[in-house]
């Protein structure tokens, strides 16, 4: 049975993850422009579900949901702090990047040749690394801040940054 404290920690992680994913979605057009790509995760996710429909809000919703799920797992595992957030996000990036080979074969934007292959594009890889870094830093900082607030309000006193890192 999962304790109330762990459920609350997962909830705080989910909130932090959703916020961090929202910032990522807002920042990725700037990152794409800076690196000379047309790629965004929001478009990739949204156009997969609604290639000719309202893909942007769908992509943002999926991205926020993914961020919340990742944040919940991060919080449940006791992750806190920028260093732990960046490590977790970069590990996810490295482990999931090979799946871009499959996405390149079946995604509507690739089938229609609207975008170049992602997995072999160094600029897209750099953009994804940068946005994962941003997400991880925000996730870790926000999770730590939320855990500090919870600790202080519950009188636990474990407010040392990174005190509960289980990574």
Foldseek 3Di string as FASTA:
>chain_A
DDDPVLQVLLQLQLVLQLVLLLVLQVCLVVLCVVLVFPDDQQQQQQCQVVVPDPSNVVSSVVSSNVRSNLRSVCRSLQAAALVSLLVSLVVVLVVCLVCLVVCCVDGPCNVVVVGDRQSPDPSNSVSSNVSSSSSSRSSRHSSLVVVLVVCVVVVVPQNDGRSRRND
